[in-house]
Amino acid sequence: MKYPYTGLYTFCKELGLALTRNNSTNTNLVLYIPAKELSTFGSNANILKQSTAHKLFKSALSNCEVWHTTHQASAYLPGKQKVKIVATIHDLNFLHGDKNVLKIKKYLGRLQRLIDRADHIVAISNFVKEEIISNMNTHGKLIDVVYNGRNTIPPVFTKPGDIDDTPFFFAVGTIARKKNFHVLPAMLCNNDLNLVIAGITQDENYKQKIFNEAKILGVENRVKLIGTVTEEEKYWLLKNCRAFAFPSIAEGFGLPVIEAMQLGTPVLLSKATSLPEIGGPHALYFDDLSTESVKASTAKLLRTNFSLKDRENIIAWTEKFSWDHAAKSYLEIYNSFS
């Protein structure tokens, strides 16, 4: 939970809250979290404060029967082999977004070591499960699929101060190459809408690439990168945009897709990795991500009249994604070792 406003932060927060709500079996549940998040889970939660020293001195993490590592890159693992390990694997995005053979080999080796140590593996989508089976040696270990859930919608939405009244498309995510945001300025051709992109910048060069593509198309004045936003601001943008666009080429799940759809907002997605599984039949998809295809897909979107029934169907699709259901599935896995 080091970086707020990211998918992993949301996963840990929402799952942690749901686990505490659904622990009806009285499992002795302890949340391992940074000190700054102590208030997030309430005074009744059992807490072990995270410390970077635990990366080296692992004995402090070994006083448990089951340890759930919530991300495959985590350096926090118990030292004692008797502790059962549940490992959630979110993606193998490095296979899709990085062409550096040495880096790919390094990431595969790190993931394989976790799989070797794990007693139970969880994938967050069927796509990720198939990626694990195809690329890793699972030693025949059980792999469950537990979907992420719909996030808690804040009671009040807040319009960001730097947004005017021009209709807009919206995208959110880390400003990084795998998100593929540089194809989105083409959505602004042949219409008067703006494009608003929110998210922390991981790659300044890639951020400039987005503006460069917009300039080539003559729409640079209508592309707004507004940085990180609060949950209240994000949901205002998701609710009030003409459509949510997500052209990512490397996703294990795609939480922002569900965040948009649970409000009845139309979504326009790439067909890459997990997105067709998560967006399902009520999402629209780019045929491909060439400039002309993005223009054509956008024109089709703008011609589509989304009725109240259409929007109700979009919302209904997201009901299958529940943090309470996810928590119950994880609790069953934890208790399977007792």
C-alpha atoms as a PDB file:
ATOM      1  CA  MET A   1       0.000   0.000   0.000  1.00  0.00           C
ATOM      2  CA  LYS A   2       2.931   2.283  -0.652  1.00  0.00           C
ATOM      3  CA  TYR A   3       1.394   4.188  -3.554  1.00  0.00           C
ATOM      4  CA  PRO A   4      -2.205   5.487  -3.230  1.00  0.00           C
ATOM      5  CA  TYR A   5      -4.295   5.890  -6.401  1.00  0.00           C
ATOM      6  CA  THR A   6      -2.847   2.715  -7.941  1.00  0.00           C
ATOM      7  CA  GLY A   7      -4.512  -0.599  -8.716  1.00  0.00           C
ATOM      8  CA  LEU A   8      -2.431  -2.534  -6.180  1.00  0.00           C
ATOM      9  CA  TYR A   9      -3.268  -0.055  -3.410  1.00  0.00           C
ATOM     10  CA  THR A  10      -6.958  -0.412  -4.233  1.00  0.00           C
ATOM     11  CA  PHE A  11      -6.696  -4.207  -4.268  1.00  0.00           C
ATOM     12  CA  CYS A  12      -5.080  -4.315  -0.814  1.00  0.00           C
ATOM     13  CA  LYS A  13      -7.440  -1.750   0.696  1.00  0.00           C
ATOM     14  CA  GLU A  14     -10.688  -3.196  -0.651  1.00  0.00           C
ATOM     15  CA  LEU A  15      -9.722  -6.813   0.024  1.00  0.00           C
ATOM     16  CA  GLY A  16      -8.531  -5.974   3.545  1.00  0.00           C
ATOM     17  CA  LEU A  17     -11.801  -4.220   4.369  1.00  0.00           C
ATOM     18  CA  ALA A  18     -13.828  -7.082   2.887  1.00  0.00           C
ATOM     19  CA  LEU A  19     -11.838  -9.707   4.806  1.00  0.00           C
ATOM     20  CA  THR A  20     -12.560  -7.963   8.104  1.00  0.00           C
ATOM     21  CA  ARG A  21     -16.279  -7.710   7.188  1.00  0.00           C
ATOM     22  CA  ASN A  22     -16.616 -11.351   6.194  1.00  0.00           C
ATOM     23  CA  ASN A  23     -14.501 -13.157   8.780  1.00  0.00           C
ATOM     24  CA  SER A  24     -17.469 -15.026  10.253  1.00  0.00           C
ATOM     25  CA  THR A  25     -15.392 -18.139  10.994  1.00  0.00           C
ATOM     26  CA  ASN A  26     -13.359 -16.157  13.527  1.00  0.00           C
ATOM     27  CA  THR A  27     -10.119 -16.826  11.698  1.00  0.00           C
ATOM     28  CA  ASN A  28      -7.330 -14.995  13.537  1.00  0.00           C
ATOM     29  CA  LEU A  29      -6.839 -12.502  10.740  1.00  0.00           C
ATOM     30  CA  VAL A  30      -3.899 -10.072  10.928  1.00  0.00           C
ATOM     31  CA  LEU A  31      -3.396  -7.283   8.379  1.00  0.00           C
ATOM     32  CA  TYR A  32       0.217  -6.452   7.513  1.00  0.00           C
ATOM     33  CA  ILE A  33       0.146  -2.774   6.552  1.00  0.00           C
ATOM     34  CA  PRO A  34       2.206   0.436   6.610  1.00  0.00           C
ATOM     35  CA  ALA A  35       1.813   2.666   9.664  1.00  0.00           C
ATOM     36  CA  LYS A  36       0.195   5.407   7.568  1.00  0.00           C
ATOM     37  CA  GLU A  37      -2.742   3.081   6.816  1.00  0.00           C
ATOM     38  CA  LEU A  38      -3.607   2.175  10.417  1.00  0.00           C
ATOM     39  CA  SER A  39      -6.798   4.248  10.366  1.00  0.00           C
ATOM     40  CA  THR A  40      -7.967   2.729   7.070  1.00  0.00           C
ATOM     41  CA  PHE A  41      -9.158  -0.534   8.600  1.00  0.00           C
ATOM     42  CA  GLY A  42     -10.639   0.694  11.879  1.00  0.00           C
ATOM     43  CA  SER A  43      -9.712   0.230  15.511  1.00  0.00           C
ATOM     44  CA  ASN A  44     -10.993  -3.360  15.693  1.00  0.00           C
ATOM     45  CA  ALA A  45      -8.635  -4.693  13.015  1.00  0.00           C
ATOM     46  CA  ASN A  46      -5.707  -6.868  14.069  1.00  0.00           C
ATOM     47  CA  ILE A  47      -2.602  -5.110  12.721  1.00  0.00           C
ATOM     48  CA  LEU A  48       1.075  -5.954  12.247  1.00  0.00           C
ATOM     49  CA  LYS A  49       2.973  -2.847  11.173  1.00  0.00           C
ATOM     50  CA  GLN A  50       5.056  -3.208   8.054  1.00  0.00           C
ATOM     51  CA  SER A  51       8.799  -2.577   8.373  1.00  0.00           C
ATOM     52  CA  THR A  52      11.455  -2.613   5.661  1.00  0.00           C
ATOM     53  CA  ALA A  53      13.632  -4.511   8.143  1.00  0.00           C
ATOM     54  CA  HIS A  54      11.310  -7.491   7.669  1.00  0.00           C
ATOM     55  CA  LYS A  55      12.737  -7.988   4.179  1.00  0.00           C
ATOM     56  CA  LEU A  56      15.951  -9.190   5.842  1.00  0.00           C
ATOM     57  CA  PHE A  57      14.792 -10.259   9.298  1.00  0.00           C
ATOM     58  CA  LYS A  58      11.931 -12.538   8.327  1.00  0.00           C
ATOM     59  CA  SER A  59      11.394 -14.186  11.704  1.00  0.00           C
ATOM     60  CA  ALA A  60       8.884 -11.454  12.638  1.00  0.00           C
ATOM     61  CA  LEU A  61       6.694 -12.655   9.774  1.00  0.00           C
ATOM     62  CA  SER A  62       6.825 -16.334  10.714  1.00  0.00           C
ATOM     63  CA  ASN A  63       4.459 -16.277  13.698  1.00  0.00           C
ATOM     64  CA  CYS A  64       1.496 -17.409  11.609  1.00  0.00           C
ATOM     65  CA  GLU A  65       0.123 -20.534   9.964  1.00  0.00           C
ATOM     66  CA  VAL A  66      -0.743 -18.938   6.602  1.00  0.00           C
ATOM     67  CA  TRP A  67       0.821 -15.914   4.883  1.00  0.00           C
ATOM     68  CA  HIS A  68      -0.942 -14.255   1.962  1.00  0.00           C
ATOM     69  CA  THR A  69       1.441 -12.394  -0.331  1.00  0.00           C
ATOM     70  CA  THR A  70      -0.866 -10.025  -2.173  1.00  0.00           C
ATOM     71  CA  HIS A  71       1.476  -9.239  -5.058  1.00  0.00           C
ATOM     72  CA  GLN A  72       3.950 -11.402  -6.913  1.00  0.00           C
ATOM     73  CA  ALA A  73       6.799  -8.876  -6.599  1.00  0.00           C
ATOM     74  CA  SER A  74       6.584  -8.552  -2.816  1.00  0.00           C
ATOM     75  CA  ALA A  75       9.831  -9.005  -0.886  1.00  0.00           C
ATOM     76  CA  TYR A  76       7.932  -9.738   2.335  1.00  0.00           C
ATOM     77  CA  LEU A  77       7.779 -13.493   2.971  1.00  0.00           C
ATOM     78  CA  PRO A  78       8.129 -15.545   6.169  1.00  0.00           C
ATOM     79  CA  GLY A  79      11.472 -17.237   6.691  1.00  0.00           C
ATOM     80  CA  LYS A  80      10.089 -20.484   8.104  1.00  0.00           C
ATOM     81  CA  GLN A  81       9.127 -23.100   5.537  1.00  0.00           C
ATOM     82  CA  LYS A  82       6.334 -24.420   7.767  1.00  0.00           C
ATOM     83  CA  VAL A  83       4.285 -21.262   7.087  1.00  0.00           C
ATOM     84  CA  LYS A  84       1.856 -21.912   4.239  1.00  0.00           C
ATOM     85  CA  ILE A  85       1.979 -19.343   1.439  1.00  0.00           C
ATOM     86  CA  VAL A  86      -0.998 -18.113  -0.580  1.00  0.00           C
ATOM     87  CA  ALA A  87       0.279 -16.097  -3.541  1.00  0.00           C
ATOM     88  CA  THR A  88      -1.884 -13.764  -5.622  1.00  0.00           C
ATOM     89  CA  ILE A  89      -0.489 -13.251  -9.114  1.00  0.00           C
ATOM     90  CA  HIS A  90      -1.910 -10.175 -10.808  1.00  0.00           C
ATOM     91  CA  ASP A  91      -0.266 -10.354 -14.212  1.00  0.00           C
ATOM     92  CA  LEU A  92       2.672 -11.331 -16.363  1.00  0.00           C
ATOM     93  CA  ASN A  93       2.681  -7.918 -18.013  1.00  0.00           C
ATOM     94  CA  PHE A  94       6.425  -8.005 -18.545  1.00  0.00           C
ATOM     95  CA  LEU A  95       5.815 -10.543 -21.324  1.00  0.00           C
ATOM     96  CA  HIS A  96       3.765  -7.969 -23.237  1.00  0.00           C
ATOM     97  CA  GLY A  97       5.273  -4.582 -22.474  1.00  0.00           C
ATOM     98  CA  ASP A  98       9.023  -5.195 -22.266  1.00  0.00           C
ATOM     99  CA  LYS A  99      11.189  -6.416 -25.139  1.00  0.00           C
ATOM    100  CA  ASN A 100      14.356  -6.634 -23.020  1.00  0.00           C
ATOM    101  CA  VAL A 101      15.169 -10.351 -22.943  1.00  0.00           C
ATOM    102  CA  LEU A 102      17.342 -10.070 -19.830  1.00  0.00           C
ATOM    103  CA  LYS A 103      14.597  -8.233 -17.923  1.00  0.00           C
ATOM    104  CA  ILE A 104      12.012 -10.807 -18.946  1.00  0.00           C
ATOM    105  CA  LYS A 105      14.313 -13.612 -17.789  1.00  0.00           C
ATOM    106  CA  LYS A 106      14.836 -11.816 -14.466  1.00  0.00           C
ATOM    107  CA  TYR A 107      11.090 -11.342 -13.877  1.00  0.00           C
ATOM    108  CA  LEU A 108      10.327 -14.941 -14.853  1.00  0.00           C
ATOM    109  CA  GLY A 109      12.972 -16.161 -12.396  1.00  0.00           C
ATOM    110  CA  ARG A 110      11.547 -14.052  -9.565  1.00  0.00           C
ATOM    111  CA  LEU A 111       8.017 -15.262 -10.254  1.00  0.00           C
ATOM    112  CA  GLN A 112       9.149 -18.884 -10.494  1.00  0.00           C
ATOM    113  CA  ARG A 113      10.774 -18.653  -7.057  1.00  0.00           C
ATOM    114  CA  LEU A 114       7.477 -17.431  -5.597  1.00  0.00           C
ATOM    115  CA  ILE A 115       5.547 -20.234  -7.292  1.00  0.00           C
ATOM    116  CA  ASP A 116       8.082 -22.757  -5.987  1.00  0.00           C
ATOM    117  CA  ARG A 117       7.517 -21.441  -2.447  1.00  0.00           C
ATOM    118  CA  ALA A 118       3.732 -21.051  -2.682  1.00  0.00           C
ATOM    119  CA  ASP A 119       1.290 -23.659  -1.429  1.00  0.00           C
ATOM    120  CA  HIS A 120      -1.729 -22.135  -3.176  1.00  0.00           C
ATOM    121  CA  ILE A 121      -1.768 -19.826  -6.195  1.00  0.00           C
ATOM    122  CA  VAL A 122      -4.517 -17.326  -7.000  1.00  0.00           C
ATOM    123  CA  ALA A 123      -4.898 -15.561 -10.350  1.00  0.00           C
ATOM    124  CA  ILE A 124      -7.114 -12.485 -10.669  1.00  0.00           C
ATOM    125  CA  SER A 125      -8.509 -13.526 -14.064  1.00  0.00           C
ATOM    126  CA  ASN A 126      -8.710 -16.598 -16.262  1.00  0.00           C
ATOM    127  CA  PHE A 127      -6.360 -14.835 -18.652  1.00  0.00           C
ATOM    128  CA  VAL A 128      -3.692 -14.600 -15.934  1.00  0.00           C
ATOM    129  CA  LYS A 129      -4.252 -18.252 -14.978  1.00  0.00           C
ATOM    130  CA  GLU A 130      -3.591 -19.337 -18.563  1.00  0.00           C
ATOM    131  CA  GLU A 131      -0.498 -17.117 -18.719  1.00  0.00           C
ATOM    132  CA  ILE A 132       0.857 -18.783 -15.564  1.00  0.00           C
ATOM    133  CA  ILE A 133       0.208 -22.285 -16.897  1.00  0.00           C
ATOM    134  CA  SER A 134       1.768 -21.465 -20.280  1.00  0.00           C
ATOM    135  CA  ASN A 135       4.908 -19.762 -18.992  1.00  0.00           C
ATOM    136  CA  MET A 136       5.697 -21.143 -15.534  1.00  0.00           C
ATOM    137  CA  ASN A 137       6.331 -24.497 -13.866  1.00  0.00           C
ATOM    138  CA  THR A 138       3.469 -24.738 -11.397  1.00  0.00           C
ATOM    139  CA  HIS A 139       4.493 -28.216 -10.161  1.00  0.00           C
ATOM    140  CA  GLY A 140       0.850 -29.218 -10.522  1.00  0.00           C
ATOM    141  CA  LYS A 141      -0.219 -26.817  -7.772  1.00  0.00           C
ATOM    142  CA  LEU A 142      -3.828 -25.681  -7.591  1.00  0.00           C
ATOM    143  CA  ILE A 143      -4.531 -22.315  -9.230  1.00  0.00           C
ATOM    144  CA  ASP A 144      -7.803 -20.637  -8.305  1.00  0.00           C
ATOM    145  CA  VAL A 145      -9.264 -17.635 -10.107  1.00  0.00           C
ATOM    146  CA  VAL A 146     -10.625 -15.002  -7.724  1.00  0.00           C
ATOM    147  CA  TYR A 147     -11.863 -11.878  -9.468  1.00  0.00           C
ATOM    148  CA  ASN A 148     -11.285  -8.441  -8.017  1.00  0.00           C
ATOM    149  CA  GLY A 149     -14.403  -6.607  -6.906  1.00  0.00           C
ATOM    150  CA  ARG A 150     -16.263  -3.426  -7.640  1.00  0.00           C
ATOM    151  CA  ASN A 151     -14.840  -0.655  -5.523  1.00  0.00           C
ATOM    152  CA  THR A 152     -16.739   1.244  -2.871  1.00  0.00           C
ATOM    153  CA  ILE A 153     -18.266   4.298  -4.538  1.00  0.00           C
ATOM    154  CA  PRO A 154     -17.687   7.465  -2.486  1.00  0.00           C
ATOM    155  CA  PRO A 155     -20.904   9.137  -1.262  1.00  0.00           C
ATOM    156  CA  VAL A 156     -20.008  12.476  -2.869  1.00  0.00           C
ATOM    157  CA  PHE A 157     -18.280  13.152  -6.196  1.00  0.00           C
ATOM    158  CA  THR A 158     -16.058  16.208  -6.664  1.00  0.00           C
ATOM    159  CA  LYS A 159     -15.355  17.963  -9.947  1.00  0.00           C
ATOM    160  CA  PRO A 160     -11.595  18.563 -10.356  1.00  0.00           C
ATOM    161  CA  GLY A 161     -10.756  22.253 -10.351  1.00  0.00           C
ATOM    162  CA  ASP A 162      -8.925  22.202 -13.683  1.00  0.00           C
ATOM    163  CA  ILE A 163     -11.807  20.680 -15.678  1.00  0.00           C
ATOM    164  CA  ASP A 164     -14.045  22.995 -17.711  1.00  0.00           C
ATOM    165  CA  ASP A 165     -17.507  22.255 -19.111  1.00  0.00           C
ATOM    166  CA  THR A 166     -16.345  20.822 -22.458  1.00  0.00           C
ATOM    167  CA  PRO A 167     -17.593  17.239 -23.016  1.00  0.00           C
ATOM    168  CA  PHE A 168     -14.734  14.774 -22.671  1.00  0.00           C
ATOM    169  CA  PHE A 169     -13.445  11.242 -22.948  1.00  0.00           C
ATOM    170  CA  PHE A 170     -11.667   9.958 -19.843  1.00  0.00           C
ATOM    171  CA  ALA A 171      -8.813   7.557 -19.144  1.00  0.00           C
ATOM    172  CA  VAL A 172      -7.043   6.776 -15.885  1.00  0.00           C
ATOM    173  CA  GLY A 173      -3.910   4.836 -15.038  1.00  0.00           C
ATOM    174  CA  THR A 174      -0.180   5.119 -14.582  1.00  0.00           C
ATOM    175  CA  ILE A 175       1.367   7.156 -17.396  1.00  0.00           C
ATOM    176  CA  ALA A 176       3.499   4.325 -18.752  1.00  0.00           C
ATOM    177  CA  ARG A 177       3.977   2.668 -22.140  1.00  0.00           C
ATOM    178  CA  LYS A 178       1.956  -0.440 -21.347  1.00  0.00           C
ATOM    179  CA  LYS A 179      -1.149   1.720 -20.867  1.00  0.00           C
ATOM    180  CA  ASN A 180      -0.865   2.788 -24.518  1.00  0.00           C
ATOM    181  CA  PHE A 181      -2.472   6.181 -23.895  1.00  0.00           C
ATOM    182  CA  HIS A 182      -0.633   7.736 -26.858  1.00  0.00           C
ATOM    183  CA  VAL A 183      -3.216   6.219 -29.237  1.00  0.00           C
ATOM    184  CA  LEU A 184      -6.070   8.128 -27.579  1.00  0.00           C
ATOM    185  CA  PRO A 185      -5.593  11.625 -29.114  1.00  0.00           C
ATOM    186  CA  ALA A 186      -6.933  10.103 -32.343  1.00  0.00           C
ATOM    187  CA  MET A 187     -10.304   9.885 -30.564  1.00  0.00           C
ATOM    188  CA  LEU A 188     -10.538  13.685 -30.826  1.00  0.00           C
ATOM    189  CA  CYS A 189     -10.435  13.817 -34.612  1.00  0.00           C
ATOM    190  CA  ASN A 190     -13.721  14.872 -36.239  1.00  0.00           C
ATOM    191  CA  ASN A 191     -15.370  15.978 -32.970  1.00  0.00           C
ATOM    192  CA  ASP A 192     -15.102  18.761 -30.378  1.00  0.00           C
ATOM    193  CA  LEU A 193     -14.513  16.685 -27.245  1.00  0.00           C
ATOM    194  CA  ASN A 194     -11.549  16.868 -24.888  1.00  0.00           C
ATOM    195  CA  LEU A 195      -9.459  13.961 -23.647  1.00  0.00           C
ATOM    196  CA  VAL A 196      -8.723  13.894 -19.906  1.00  0.00           C
ATOM    197  CA  ILE A 197      -6.114  11.442 -18.606  1.00  0.00           C
ATOM    198  CA  ALA A 198      -5.520  11.083 -14.851  1.00  0.00           C
ATOM    199  CA  GLY A 199      -2.716   9.181 -13.176  1.00  0.00           C
ATOM    200  CA  ILE A 200       0.765   9.337 -11.759  1.00  0.00           C
ATOM    201  CA  THR A 201       3.533   9.758 -14.339  1.00  0.00           C
ATOM    202  CA  GLN A 202       5.969   6.855 -14.316  1.00  0.00           C
ATOM    203  CA  ASP A 203       7.707   7.767 -17.577  1.00  0.00           C
ATOM    204  CA  GLU A 204       8.202  11.440 -18.510  1.00  0.00           C
ATOM    205  CA  ASN A 205       9.351  10.489 -22.016  1.00  0.00           C
ATOM    206  CA  TYR A 206       6.143   8.576 -22.565  1.00  0.00           C
ATOM    207  CA  LYS A 207       4.092  11.503 -21.274  1.00  0.00           C
ATOM    208  CA  GLN A 208       5.746  13.657 -23.922  1.00  0.00           C
ATOM    209  CA  LYS A 209       4.947  11.016 -26.543  1.00  0.00           C
ATOM    210  CA  ILE A 210       1.243  11.450 -25.787  1.00  0.00           C
ATOM    211  CA  PHE A 211       1.513  15.191 -26.427  1.00  0.00           C
ATOM    212  CA  ASN A 212       3.616  14.610 -29.544  1.00  0.00           C
ATOM    213  CA  GLU A 213       0.943  12.328 -31.016  1.00  0.00           C
ATOM    214  CA  ALA A 214      -1.708  14.913 -30.173  1.00  0.00           C
ATOM    215  CA  LYS A 215       0.315  17.626 -31.920  1.00  0.00           C
ATOM    216  CA  ILE A 216       0.688  15.533 -35.070  1.00  0.00           C
ATOM    217  CA  LEU A 217      -3.106  15.225 -35.184  1.00  0.00           C
ATOM    218  CA  GLY A 218      -3.660  18.909 -34.383  1.00  0.00           C
ATOM    219  CA  VAL A 219      -5.557  18.224 -31.150  1.00  0.00           C
ATOM    220  CA  GLU A 220      -2.870  19.064 -28.571  1.00  0.00           C
ATOM    221  CA  ASN A 221      -4.986  21.843 -27.028  1.00  0.00           C
ATOM    222  CA  ARG A 222      -7.711  19.334 -26.177  1.00  0.00           C
ATOM    223  CA  VAL A 223      -5.544  16.741 -24.395  1.00  0.00           C
ATOM    224  CA  LYS A 224      -5.394  17.247 -20.614  1.00  0.00           C
ATOM    225  CA  LEU A 225      -3.071  15.205 -18.372  1.00  0.00           C
ATOM    226  CA  ILE A 226      -4.147  16.209 -14.877  1.00  0.00           C
ATOM    227  CA  GLY A 227      -1.988  13.979 -12.641  1.00  0.00           C
ATOM    228  CA  THR A 228      -3.356  12.036  -9.699  1.00  0.00           C
ATOM    229  CA  VAL A 229      -6.900  12.635  -8.508  1.00  0.00           C
ATOM    230  CA  THR A 230      -8.812  11.760  -5.350  1.00  0.00           C
ATOM    231  CA  GLU A 231     -11.388   8.965  -5.362  1.00  0.00           C
ATOM    232  CA  GLU A 232     -14.144  11.601  -5.297  1.00  0.00           C
ATOM    233  CA  GLU A 233     -12.633  13.350  -8.328  1.00  0.00           C
ATOM    234  CA  LYS A 234     -12.044  10.100 -10.194  1.00  0.00           C
ATOM    235  CA  TYR A 235     -15.654   9.029  -9.801  1.00  0.00           C
ATOM    236  CA  TRP A 236     -16.874  12.457 -10.931  1.00  0.00           C
ATOM    237  CA  LEU A 237     -14.801  12.044 -14.091  1.00  0.00           C
ATOM    238  CA  LEU A 238     -16.008   8.471 -14.624  1.00  0.00           C
ATOM    239  CA  LYS A 239     -19.637   9.510 -14.165  1.00  0.00           C
ATOM    240  CA  ASN A 240     -19.537  12.626 -16.331  1.00  0.00           C
ATOM    241  CA  CYS A 241     -17.340  11.558 -19.248  1.00  0.00           C
ATOM    242  CA  ARG A 242     -18.862  10.736 -22.619  1.00  0.00           C
ATOM    243  CA  ALA A 243     -17.037   7.410 -22.455  1.00  0.00           C
ATOM    244  CA  PHE A 244     -14.148   5.767 -20.632  1.00  0.00           C
ATOM    245  CA  ALA A 245     -11.266   4.703 -22.887  1.00  0.00           C
ATOM    246  CA  PHE A 246      -8.705   2.052 -21.929  1.00  0.00           C
ATOM    247  CA  PRO A 247      -6.337   0.983 -24.731  1.00  0.00           C
ATOM    248  CA  SER A 248      -3.904  -0.899 -22.465  1.00  0.00           C
ATOM    249  CA  ILE A 249      -1.852  -3.714 -23.967  1.00  0.00           C
ATOM    250  CA  ALA A 250      -0.885  -5.322 -20.638  1.00  0.00           C
ATOM    251  CA  GLU A 251      -3.527  -5.942 -17.964  1.00  0.00           C
ATOM    252  CA  GLY A 252      -4.112  -8.789 -15.563  1.00  0.00           C
ATOM    253  CA  PHE A 253      -7.575  -7.471 -14.718  1.00  0.00           C
ATOM    254  CA  GLY A 254      -8.328  -3.800 -15.370  1.00  0.00           C
ATOM    255  CA  LEU A 255      -9.982  -2.319 -12.270  1.00  0.00           C
ATOM    256  CA  PRO A 256     -10.727   1.062 -13.915  1.00  0.00           C
ATOM    257  CA  VAL A 257     -12.942  -0.735 -16.431  1.00  0.00           C
ATOM    258  CA  ILE A 258     -15.192  -2.019 -13.642  1.00  0.00           C
ATOM    259  CA  GLU A 259     -15.094   1.350 -11.878  1.00  0.00           C
ATOM    260  CA  ALA A 260     -16.505   2.985 -15.008  1.00  0.00           C
ATOM    261  CA  MET A 261     -19.028   0.267 -15.834  1.00  0.00           C
ATOM    262  CA  GLN A 262     -20.472   0.163 -12.316  1.00  0.00           C
ATOM    263  CA  LEU A 263     -21.672   3.736 -12.965  1.00  0.00           C
ATOM    264  CA  GLY A 264     -23.262   2.764 -16.292  1.00  0.00           C
ATOM    265  CA  THR A 265     -20.579   4.612 -18.270  1.00  0.00           C
ATOM    266  CA  PRO A 266     -19.818   3.255 -21.768  1.00  0.00           C
ATOM    267  CA  VAL A 267     -16.279   1.887 -22.107  1.00  0.00           C
ATOM    268  CA  LEU A 268     -14.075   1.532 -25.189  1.00  0.00           C
ATOM    269  CA  LEU A 269     -11.290  -1.007 -24.669  1.00  0.00           C
ATOM    270  CA  SER A 270      -8.436  -2.700 -26.432  1.00  0.00           C
ATOM    271  CA  LYS A 271      -8.826  -6.407 -27.156  1.00  0.00           C
ATOM    272  CA  ALA A 272      -5.513  -7.181 -25.450  1.00  0.00           C
ATOM    273  CA  THR A 273      -4.827  -9.516 -22.522  1.00  0.00           C
ATOM    274  CA  SER A 274      -7.600  -9.659 -19.875  1.00  0.00           C
ATOM    275  CA  LEU A 275      -9.774  -6.770 -21.051  1.00  0.00           C
ATOM    276  CA  PRO A 276     -12.326  -8.732 -23.144  1.00  0.00           C
ATOM    277  CA  GLU A 277     -12.847 -11.071 -20.176  1.00  0.00           C
ATOM    278  CA  ILE A 278     -13.454  -8.197 -17.761  1.00  0.00           C
ATOM    279  CA  GLY A 279     -15.332  -5.837 -20.094  1.00  0.00           C
ATOM    280  CA  GLY A 280     -17.491  -8.649 -21.450  1.00  0.00           C
ATOM    281  CA  PRO A 281     -20.335  -8.188 -23.937  1.00  0.00           C
ATOM    282  CA  HIS A 282     -21.389  -4.763 -22.669  1.00  0.00           C
ATOM    283  CA  ALA A 283     -18.097  -3.046 -23.513  1.00  0.00           C
ATOM    284  CA  LEU A 284     -17.103  -1.649 -26.896  1.00  0.00           C
ATOM    285  CA  TYR A 285     -13.709  -2.514 -28.362  1.00  0.00           C
ATOM    286  CA  PHE A 286     -11.198  -0.894 -30.683  1.00  0.00           C
ATOM    287  CA  ASP A 287     -10.823  -3.108 -33.770  1.00  0.00           C
ATOM    288  CA  ASP A 288      -7.118  -2.384 -33.516  1.00  0.00           C
ATOM    289  CA  LEU A 289      -5.057   0.507 -32.190  1.00  0.00           C
ATOM    290  CA  SER A 290      -4.008   2.173 -35.430  1.00  0.00           C
ATOM    291  CA  THR A 291      -4.934   5.840 -35.806  1.00  0.00           C
ATOM    292  CA  GLU A 292      -7.608   5.121 -38.404  1.00  0.00           C
ATOM    293  CA  SER A 293      -9.125   2.319 -36.348  1.00  0.00           C
ATOM    294  CA  VAL A 294      -9.252   4.502 -33.220  1.00  0.00           C
ATOM    295  CA  LYS A 295     -11.010   7.210 -35.251  1.00  0.00           C
ATOM    296  CA  ALA A 296     -13.512   4.697 -36.638  1.00  0.00           C
ATOM    297  CA  SER A 297     -14.203   3.080 -33.252  1.00  0.00           C
ATOM    298  CA  THR A 298     -14.752   6.517 -31.715  1.00  0.00           C
ATOM    299  CA  ALA A 299     -17.140   7.547 -34.480  1.00  0.00           C
ATOM    300  CA  LYS A 300     -19.121   4.345 -33.911  1.00  0.00           C
ATOM    301  CA  LEU A 301     -19.206   5.061 -30.170  1.00  0.00           C
ATOM    302  CA  LEU A 302     -20.505   8.589 -30.719  1.00  0.00           C
ATOM    303  CA  ARG A 303     -23.232   7.303 -33.067  1.00  0.00           C
ATOM    304  CA  THR A 304     -24.432   4.806 -30.464  1.00  0.00           C
ATOM    305  CA  ASN A 305     -27.433   5.872 -28.414  1.00  0.00           C
ATOM    306  CA  PHE A 306     -26.949   4.321 -24.994  1.00  0.00           C
ATOM    307  CA  SER A 307     -30.442   3.913 -23.578  1.00  0.00           C
ATOM    308  CA  LEU A 308     -31.291   3.671 -19.894  1.00  0.00           C
ATOM    309  CA  LYS A 309     -31.639  -0.095 -20.391  1.00  0.00           C
ATOM    310  CA  ASP A 310     -28.183  -0.270 -21.979  1.00  0.00           C
ATOM    311  CA  ARG A 311     -26.685   1.508 -18.997  1.00  0.00           C
ATOM    312  CA  GLU A 312     -28.556  -0.749 -16.574  1.00  0.00           C
ATOM    313  CA  ASN A 313     -27.093  -3.762 -18.396  1.00  0.00           C
ATOM    314  CA  ILE A 314     -23.599  -2.285 -18.113  1.00  0.00           C
ATOM    315  CA  ILE A 315     -24.075  -1.874 -14.350  1.00  0.00           C
ATOM    316  CA  ALA A 316     -25.567  -5.364 -13.988  1.00  0.00           C
ATOM    317  CA  TRP A 317     -22.505  -6.914 -15.649  1.00  0.00           C
ATOM    318  CA  THR A 318     -20.284  -5.571 -12.866  1.00  0.00           C
ATOM    319  CA  GLU A 319     -22.286  -7.268 -10.113  1.00  0.00           C
ATOM    320  CA  LYS A 320     -20.279 -10.457 -10.695  1.00  0.00           C
ATOM    321  CA  PHE A 321     -17.210  -8.599  -9.412  1.00  0.00           C
ATOM    322  CA  SER A 322     -17.590  -8.420  -5.627  1.00  0.00           C
ATOM    323  CA  TRP A 323     -14.961  -7.775  -2.949  1.00  0.00           C
ATOM    324  CA  ASP A 324     -17.136  -9.609  -0.424  1.00  0.00           C
ATOM    325  CA  HIS A 325     -17.196 -12.654  -2.693  1.00  0.00           C
ATOM    326  CA  ALA A 326     -13.431 -12.346  -3.200  1.00  0.00           C
ATOM    327  CA  ALA A 327     -12.876 -12.145   0.561  1.00  0.00           C
ATOM    328  CA  LYS A 328     -14.987 -15.251   1.204  1.00  0.00           C
ATOM    329  CA  SER A 329     -13.003 -17.133  -1.439  1.00  0.00           C
ATOM    330  CA  TYR A 330      -9.708 -16.118   0.151  1.00  0.00           C
ATOM    331  CA  LEU A 331     -10.948 -17.028   3.639  1.00  0.00           C
ATOM    332  CA  GLU A 332     -11.858 -20.503   2.343  1.00  0.00           C
ATOM    333  CA  ILE A 333      -8.331 -20.845   0.984  1.00  0.00           C
ATOM    334  CA  TYR A 334      -6.752 -19.707   4.268  1.00  0.00           C
ATOM    335  CA  ASN A 335      -8.909 -22.105   6.273  1.00  0.00           C
ATOM    336  CA  SER A 336      -8.162 -25.028   3.947  1.00  0.00           C
ATOM    337  CA  PHE A 337      -4.768 -25.327   5.661  1.00  0.00           C
ATOM    338  CA  SER A 338      -6.182 -25.694   9.181  1.00  0.00           C
END
